[in-house]
Each structure stands twice: as C-alpha cells, then as structure tokens.
Amino acid sequence: MPPKPINWKMYTKMAIAGLTCTIGGPALIYYVSPTEEELFLKYNPELQKRSLENRIGKQQDFDDFVGKLKEYSKSDKTIWEAAAADERRNRDGKISAQAKLSAEIEARKAEIRKEGIKPVPGGSL
C-alpha cells in the first residue's frame, strides 16, 4: 500500500491560523490599548491637577527604589536578603531615635517639675 499523499491544504490552513494568532493577537492588543496621554486626557480636571502635582514625587520615589535595588544587587546576598537587612537596620535606627526623643521629653518634664510652678510677676491667673 502506497503512503498517503501530504495534505498541503490542511497544513497551509494551520500555518495561516497560527500566524494569525501569534502575530495578530499582540498587534490587536497594541492597536486597542490607549496610550498614557490618552488615559491622562480622560481624567477629570481635578485628577489631572493632582497627578501633575504628584508626578515629581513619584518619579523621585521610583528613582530611590531603583537606586536601592542597584545597591542591593552589589552585595553577595540575594536582593531579598539585602532588602530585609536594610529594612531591619532602618527600623532599629527609627526605634533608637524615638527612644532618644522620649528620653529628652522625660528630661524636660522632670526639669519643669523640678522648677515648680512660679507665679507670673504682675499678673494674675
């Protein structure tokens, strides 16, 4: 029995369908998706104003974030471990700063109590 002939019509249809899905799908998404400017123009004026005011701060936060990631990537540890260590260091620094501040407040309170209430000269309360 001779081998069956190759069904070129079926393979051509399958190739066209595959190319349509792999090329046409992303092209359609790219065509349908709005740009950042189009989205910004659809905001109401109050949101546009607030977005413009916060843009510089958001850009600065992003630049700081990328800078920290670059710094973490230079260490021998993974980025996650380096970030956790840095976060612990920052938290410990904040706790010690709050402890110093509370100690200063307690010292001021003790000083005020030590001085006592003094009458205001020439005035009555």
N, C-alpha and C. Protein backbone atom coordinates (compact mmCIF):
# COMPACT_ATOMS: atom_id res chain seq x y z
N MET A 1 0.83 -1.18 0.00
CA MET A 1 0.00 0.00 0.00
C MET A 1 0.89 1.25 0.00
N PRO A 2 0.66 2.13 -0.99
CA PRO A 2 1.50 3.33 -1.09
C PRO A 2 1.17 4.31 0.06
N PRO A 3 2.17 5.14 0.46
CA PRO A 3 1.91 6.12 1.52
C PRO A 3 0.88 7.16 1.07
N LYS A 4 0.18 7.68 2.08
CA LYS A 4 -0.85 8.69 1.78
C LYS A 4 -0.18 9.98 1.31
N PRO A 5 -0.80 10.68 0.39
CA PRO A 5 -0.22 11.95 -0.05
C PRO A 5 -0.35 13.01 1.05
N ILE A 6 0.59 13.95 1.06
CA ILE A 6 0.59 15.03 2.07
C ILE A 6 -0.56 15.98 1.77
N ASN A 7 -1.31 16.30 2.81
CA ASN A 7 -2.46 17.19 2.68
C ASN A 7 -1.99 18.64 2.84
N TRP A 8 -1.50 19.24 1.76
CA TRP A 8 -0.94 20.58 1.80
C TRP A 8 -1.99 21.63 2.15
N LYS A 9 -3.20 21.41 1.79
CA LYS A 9 -4.28 22.36 2.07
C LYS A 9 -4.48 22.50 3.58
N MET A 10 -4.48 21.39 4.31
CA MET A 10 -4.67 21.42 5.76
C MET A 10 -3.49 22.12 6.44
N TYR A 11 -2.25 21.77 6.03
CA TYR A 11 -1.08 22.38 6.64
C TYR A 11 -1.02 23.88 6.36
N THR A 12 -1.46 24.31 5.20
CA THR A 12 -1.49 25.73 4.87
C THR A 12 -2.50 26.46 5.74
N LYS A 13 -3.67 25.87 5.93
CA LYS A 13 -4.69 26.48 6.81
C LYS A 13 -4.17 26.61 8.23
N MET A 14 -3.51 25.55 8.71
CA MET A 14 -2.99 25.57 10.08
C MET A 14 -1.89 26.62 10.23
N ALA A 15 -1.03 26.76 9.23
CA ALA A 15 0.03 27.77 9.29
C ALA A 15 -0.56 29.18 9.30
N ILE A 16 -1.57 29.41 8.46
CA ILE A 16 -2.21 30.73 8.43
C ILE A 16 -2.90 31.02 9.76
N ALA A 17 -3.59 30.03 10.33
CA ALA A 17 -4.26 30.23 11.62
C ALA A 17 -3.24 30.51 12.72
N GLY A 18 -2.13 29.78 12.72
CA GLY A 18 -1.09 30.00 13.73
C GLY A 18 -0.47 31.38 13.62
N LEU A 19 -0.14 31.79 12.42
CA LEU A 19 0.43 33.12 12.23
C LEU A 19 -0.56 34.22 12.61
N THR A 20 -1.83 34.00 12.30
CA THR A 20 -2.85 34.99 12.66
C THR A 20 -2.92 35.14 14.18
N CYS A 21 -2.86 34.03 14.89
CA CYS A 21 -2.95 34.10 16.36
C CYS A 21 -1.68 34.69 16.97
N THR A 22 -0.50 34.27 16.50
CA THR A 22 0.75 34.72 17.11
C THR A 22 1.11 36.16 16.76
N ILE A 23 0.76 36.60 15.56
CA ILE A 23 1.09 37.97 15.16
C ILE A 23 -0.11 38.90 15.33
N GLY A 24 -1.28 38.43 14.97
CA GLY A 24 -2.46 39.28 15.00
C GLY A 24 -2.93 39.59 16.41
N GLY A 25 -2.80 38.65 17.35
CA GLY A 25 -3.25 38.89 18.73
C GLY A 25 -2.53 40.05 19.38
N PRO A 26 -1.18 39.99 19.47
CA PRO A 26 -0.45 41.12 20.05
C PRO A 26 -0.64 42.43 19.28
N ALA A 27 -0.75 42.32 17.95
CA ALA A 27 -0.96 43.54 17.15
C ALA A 27 -2.31 44.17 17.50
N LEU A 28 -3.33 43.34 17.70
CA LEU A 28 -4.65 43.86 18.07
C LEU A 28 -4.60 44.51 19.45
N ILE A 29 -3.94 43.88 20.39
CA ILE A 29 -3.81 44.45 21.74
C ILE A 29 -3.08 45.79 21.67
N TYR A 30 -2.01 45.86 20.88
CA TYR A 30 -1.26 47.10 20.75
C TYR A 30 -2.13 48.20 20.12
N TYR A 31 -2.95 47.83 19.16
CA TYR A 31 -3.81 48.80 18.47
C TYR A 31 -4.93 49.28 19.37
N VAL A 32 -5.48 48.41 20.22
CA VAL A 32 -6.64 48.74 21.05
C VAL A 32 -6.24 49.48 22.33
N SER A 33 -5.06 49.19 22.87
CA SER A 33 -4.64 49.78 24.15
C SER A 33 -4.41 51.28 24.01
N PRO A 34 -4.95 52.08 24.95
CA PRO A 34 -4.72 53.53 24.88
C PRO A 34 -3.33 53.89 25.40
N THR A 35 -2.81 55.01 24.92
CA THR A 35 -1.52 55.48 25.39
C THR A 35 -1.70 56.20 26.72
N GLU A 36 -0.57 56.52 27.38
CA GLU A 36 -0.64 57.22 28.66
C GLU A 36 -1.28 58.60 28.49
N GLU A 37 -0.99 59.27 27.39
CA GLU A 37 -1.56 60.60 27.17
C GLU A 37 -3.08 60.53 27.00
N GLU A 38 -3.55 59.51 26.27
CA GLU A 38 -5.00 59.36 26.09
C GLU A 38 -5.69 59.09 27.42
N LEU A 39 -5.07 58.26 28.24
CA LEU A 39 -5.65 57.99 29.57
C LEU A 39 -5.66 59.25 30.42
N PHE A 40 -4.56 60.02 30.37
CA PHE A 40 -4.47 61.24 31.17
C PHE A 40 -5.55 62.24 30.75
N LEU A 41 -5.81 62.34 29.46
CA LEU A 41 -6.83 63.28 28.98
C LEU A 41 -8.24 62.86 29.39
N LYS A 42 -8.44 61.59 29.68
CA LYS A 42 -9.76 61.12 30.12
C LYS A 42 -10.00 61.38 31.60
N TYR A 43 -8.96 61.76 32.36
CA TYR A 43 -9.14 62.11 33.77
C TYR A 43 -9.99 63.36 33.87
N ASN A 44 -10.65 63.53 35.02
CA ASN A 44 -11.32 64.81 35.22
C ASN A 44 -10.25 65.83 35.61
N PRO A 45 -10.53 67.14 35.50
CA PRO A 45 -9.51 68.16 35.72
C PRO A 45 -8.86 68.10 37.11
N GLU A 46 -9.64 67.74 38.12
CA GLU A 46 -9.07 67.66 39.47
C GLU A 46 -8.01 66.56 39.56
N LEU A 47 -8.30 65.40 38.96
CA LEU A 47 -7.33 64.30 38.97
C LEU A 47 -6.10 64.65 38.13
N GLN A 48 -6.30 65.36 37.03
CA GLN A 48 -5.16 65.78 36.21
C GLN A 48 -4.24 66.69 37.02
N LYS A 49 -4.83 67.63 37.73
CA LYS A 49 -4.06 68.57 38.54
C LYS A 49 -3.29 67.82 39.62
N ARG A 50 -3.97 66.91 40.32
CA ARG A 50 -3.33 66.16 41.40
C ARG A 50 -2.23 65.26 40.86
N SER A 51 -2.47 64.68 39.69
CA SER A 51 -1.46 63.81 39.07
C SER A 51 -0.22 64.61 38.68
N LEU A 52 -0.41 65.79 38.14
CA LEU A 52 0.74 66.63 37.79
C LEU A 52 1.51 67.08 39.02
N GLU A 53 0.80 67.36 40.11
CA GLU A 53 1.46 67.78 41.35
C GLU A 53 2.29 66.64 41.94
N ASN A 54 1.79 65.41 41.86
CA ASN A 54 2.46 64.28 42.49
C ASN A 54 3.48 63.60 41.57
N ARG A 55 3.56 64.03 40.33
CA ARG A 55 4.43 63.36 39.36
C ARG A 55 5.90 63.40 39.78
N ILE A 56 6.38 64.54 40.22
CA ILE A 56 7.79 64.67 40.59
C ILE A 56 8.11 63.79 41.79
N GLY A 57 7.22 63.78 42.76
CA GLY A 57 7.44 62.94 43.94
C GLY A 57 7.46 61.46 43.59
N LYS A 58 6.56 61.04 42.71
CA LYS A 58 6.53 59.63 42.30
C LYS A 58 7.78 59.26 41.52
N GLN A 59 8.24 60.17 40.67
CA GLN A 59 9.47 59.90 39.92
C GLN A 59 10.66 59.80 40.87
N GLN A 60 10.70 60.66 41.89
CA GLN A 60 11.79 60.62 42.86
C GLN A 60 11.74 59.32 43.67
N ASP A 61 10.54 58.89 44.07
CA ASP A 61 10.39 57.63 44.80
C ASP A 61 10.86 56.45 43.94
N PHE A 62 10.50 56.47 42.67
CA PHE A 62 10.93 55.39 41.77
C PHE A 62 12.44 55.39 41.60
N ASP A 63 13.04 56.58 41.45
CA ASP A 63 14.49 56.66 41.31
C ASP A 63 15.18 56.15 42.57
N ASP A 64 14.63 56.49 43.75
CA ASP A 64 15.20 55.98 45.01
C ASP A 64 15.09 54.46 45.08
N PHE A 65 13.94 53.94 44.66
CA PHE A 65 13.73 52.49 44.66
C PHE A 65 14.73 51.78 43.76
N VAL A 66 14.93 52.30 42.56
CA VAL A 66 15.88 51.70 41.62
C VAL A 66 17.30 51.82 42.17
N GLY A 67 17.62 52.94 42.79
CA GLY A 67 18.94 53.11 43.39
C GLY A 67 19.19 52.09 44.50
N LYS A 68 18.16 51.86 45.33
CA LYS A 68 18.31 50.86 46.38
C LYS A 68 18.47 49.46 45.79
N LEU A 69 17.72 49.16 44.72
CA LEU A 69 17.86 47.85 44.08
C LEU A 69 19.27 47.67 43.53
N LYS A 70 19.83 48.71 42.94
CA LYS A 70 21.20 48.62 42.43
C LYS A 70 22.18 48.39 43.57
N GLU A 71 21.95 49.09 44.69
CA GLU A 71 22.81 48.92 45.85
C GLU A 71 22.70 47.50 46.42
N TYR A 72 21.48 46.98 46.49
CA TYR A 72 21.28 45.61 46.99
C TYR A 72 21.92 44.60 46.07
N SER A 73 21.89 44.84 44.78
CA SER A 73 22.43 43.87 43.83
C SER A 73 23.95 43.80 43.90
N LYS A 74 24.60 44.81 44.43
CA LYS A 74 26.06 44.80 44.55
C LYS A 74 26.54 43.88 45.65
N SER A 75 25.70 43.58 46.64
CA SER A 75 26.12 42.73 47.74
C SER A 75 26.14 41.27 47.31
N ASP A 76 26.77 40.42 48.13
CA ASP A 76 26.86 39.00 47.85
C ASP A 76 25.54 38.29 48.11
N LYS A 77 24.70 38.87 48.95
CA LYS A 77 23.41 38.27 49.29
C LYS A 77 22.42 38.47 48.15
N THR A 78 21.30 37.76 48.24
CA THR A 78 20.24 37.99 47.27
C THR A 78 19.61 39.35 47.57
N ILE A 79 18.87 39.86 46.60
CA ILE A 79 18.24 41.18 46.77
C ILE A 79 17.28 41.14 47.94
N TRP A 80 16.55 40.03 48.11
CA TRP A 80 15.54 39.94 49.17
C TRP A 80 16.20 39.97 50.54
N GLU A 81 17.32 39.26 50.70
CA GLU A 81 18.01 39.26 51.99
C GLU A 81 18.62 40.62 52.28
N ALA A 82 19.21 41.24 51.27
CA ALA A 82 19.80 42.56 51.47
C ALA A 82 18.73 43.59 51.82
N ALA A 83 17.57 43.51 51.17
CA ALA A 83 16.48 44.45 51.47
C ALA A 83 15.96 44.23 52.88
N ALA A 84 15.84 42.97 53.31
CA ALA A 84 15.38 42.69 54.67
C ALA A 84 16.37 43.20 55.70
N ALA A 85 17.66 43.03 55.44
CA ALA A 85 18.68 43.53 56.37
C ALA A 85 18.64 45.05 56.45
N ASP A 86 18.50 45.71 55.32
CA ASP A 86 18.41 47.18 55.29
C ASP A 86 17.16 47.66 56.02
N GLU A 87 16.06 46.96 55.82
CA GLU A 87 14.82 47.33 56.50
C GLU A 87 14.97 47.19 58.01
N ARG A 88 15.60 46.10 58.46
CA ARG A 88 15.85 45.91 59.90
C ARG A 88 16.72 47.04 60.43
N ARG A 89 17.77 47.40 59.68
CA ARG A 89 18.67 48.47 60.11
C ARG A 89 17.91 49.79 60.23
N ASN A 90 17.06 50.11 59.24
CA ASN A 90 16.27 51.34 59.29
C ASN A 90 15.30 51.32 60.47
N ARG A 91 14.65 50.18 60.71
CA ARG A 91 13.69 50.07 61.80
C ARG A 91 14.40 50.25 63.14
N ASP A 92 15.58 49.63 63.30
CA ASP A 92 16.32 49.78 64.54
C ASP A 92 16.76 51.23 64.74
N GLY A 93 17.13 51.91 63.66
CA GLY A 93 17.52 53.32 63.75
C GLY A 93 16.35 54.19 64.17
N LYS A 94 15.16 53.91 63.62
CA LYS A 94 13.97 54.68 64.00
C LYS A 94 13.61 54.44 65.46
N ILE A 95 13.73 53.19 65.89
CA ILE A 95 13.40 52.87 67.29
C ILE A 95 14.36 53.59 68.23
N SER A 96 15.64 53.59 67.90
CA SER A 96 16.60 54.27 68.77
C SER A 96 16.37 55.79 68.75
N ALA A 97 15.99 56.35 67.60
CA ALA A 97 15.70 57.78 67.54
C ALA A 97 14.48 58.12 68.38
N GLN A 98 13.45 57.28 68.34
CA GLN A 98 12.27 57.51 69.17
C GLN A 98 12.61 57.38 70.65
N ALA A 99 13.49 56.44 70.98
CA ALA A 99 13.90 56.28 72.38
C ALA A 99 14.63 57.53 72.87
N LYS A 100 15.52 58.09 72.04
CA LYS A 100 16.23 59.32 72.41
C LYS A 100 15.25 60.47 72.58
N LEU A 101 14.28 60.57 71.67
CA LEU A 101 13.30 61.63 71.75
C LEU A 101 12.46 61.52 73.02
N SER A 102 12.02 60.31 73.34
CA SER A 102 11.23 60.14 74.55
C SER A 102 12.06 60.42 75.79
N ALA A 103 13.35 60.09 75.77
CA ALA A 103 14.23 60.40 76.91
C ALA A 103 14.37 61.91 77.07
N GLU A 104 14.49 62.64 75.95
CA GLU A 104 14.57 64.10 76.02
C GLU A 104 13.28 64.69 76.57
N ILE A 105 12.15 64.17 76.15
CA ILE A 105 10.86 64.66 76.65
C ILE A 105 10.74 64.42 78.14
N GLU A 106 11.13 63.23 78.59
CA GLU A 106 11.08 62.93 80.03
C GLU A 106 12.02 63.84 80.80
N ALA A 107 13.18 64.14 80.25
CA ALA A 107 14.13 65.04 80.92
C ALA A 107 13.54 66.44 81.04
N ARG A 108 12.88 66.91 79.99
CA ARG A 108 12.25 68.23 80.03
C ARG A 108 11.13 68.26 81.06
N LYS A 109 10.32 67.19 81.10
CA LYS A 109 9.24 67.12 82.08
C LYS A 109 9.79 67.14 83.50
N ALA A 110 10.87 66.39 83.72
CA ALA A 110 11.48 66.36 85.06
C ALA A 110 12.03 67.73 85.42
N GLU A 111 12.63 68.41 84.44
CA GLU A 111 13.16 69.75 84.69
C GLU A 111 12.04 70.72 85.05
N ILE A 112 10.92 70.63 84.35
CA ILE A 112 9.79 71.52 84.62
C ILE A 112 9.22 71.23 86.01
N ARG A 113 9.10 69.96 86.36
CA ARG A 113 8.60 69.60 87.70
C ARG A 113 9.54 70.08 88.78
N LYS A 114 10.85 69.98 88.49
CA LYS A 114 11.86 70.39 89.46
C LYS A 114 11.78 71.90 89.72
N GLU A 115 11.56 72.67 88.68
CA GLU A 115 11.45 74.11 88.84
C GLU A 115 10.18 74.50 89.57
N GLY A 116 9.14 73.73 89.37
CA GLY A 116 7.87 74.02 90.02
C GLY A 116 7.13 75.13 89.31
N ILE A 117 5.93 75.43 89.81
CA ILE A 117 5.13 76.48 89.24
C ILE A 117 5.55 77.80 89.86
N LYS A 118 5.96 78.73 89.04
CA LYS A 118 6.39 80.04 89.53
C LYS A 118 5.31 81.06 89.14
N PRO A 119 4.98 81.95 90.05
CA PRO A 119 3.97 82.96 89.73
C PRO A 119 4.49 83.94 88.68
N VAL A 120 3.58 84.38 87.85
CA VAL A 120 3.92 85.35 86.83
C VAL A 120 3.94 86.73 87.48
N PRO A 121 5.04 87.48 87.39
CA PRO A 121 5.09 88.79 88.05
C PRO A 121 4.11 89.78 87.44
N GLY A 122 3.35 90.40 88.29
CA GLY A 122 2.42 91.45 87.87
C GLY A 122 1.17 90.93 87.22
N GLY A 123 0.91 89.69 87.27
CA GLY A 123 -0.27 89.17 86.62
C GLY A 123 -1.00 88.19 87.52
N SER A 124 -2.23 87.98 87.23
CA SER A 124 -2.99 87.00 88.00
C SER A 124 -3.68 86.05 87.05
N LEU A 125 -3.74 84.83 87.48
CA LEU A 125 -4.37 83.84 86.63
C LEU A 125 -5.72 83.47 87.14
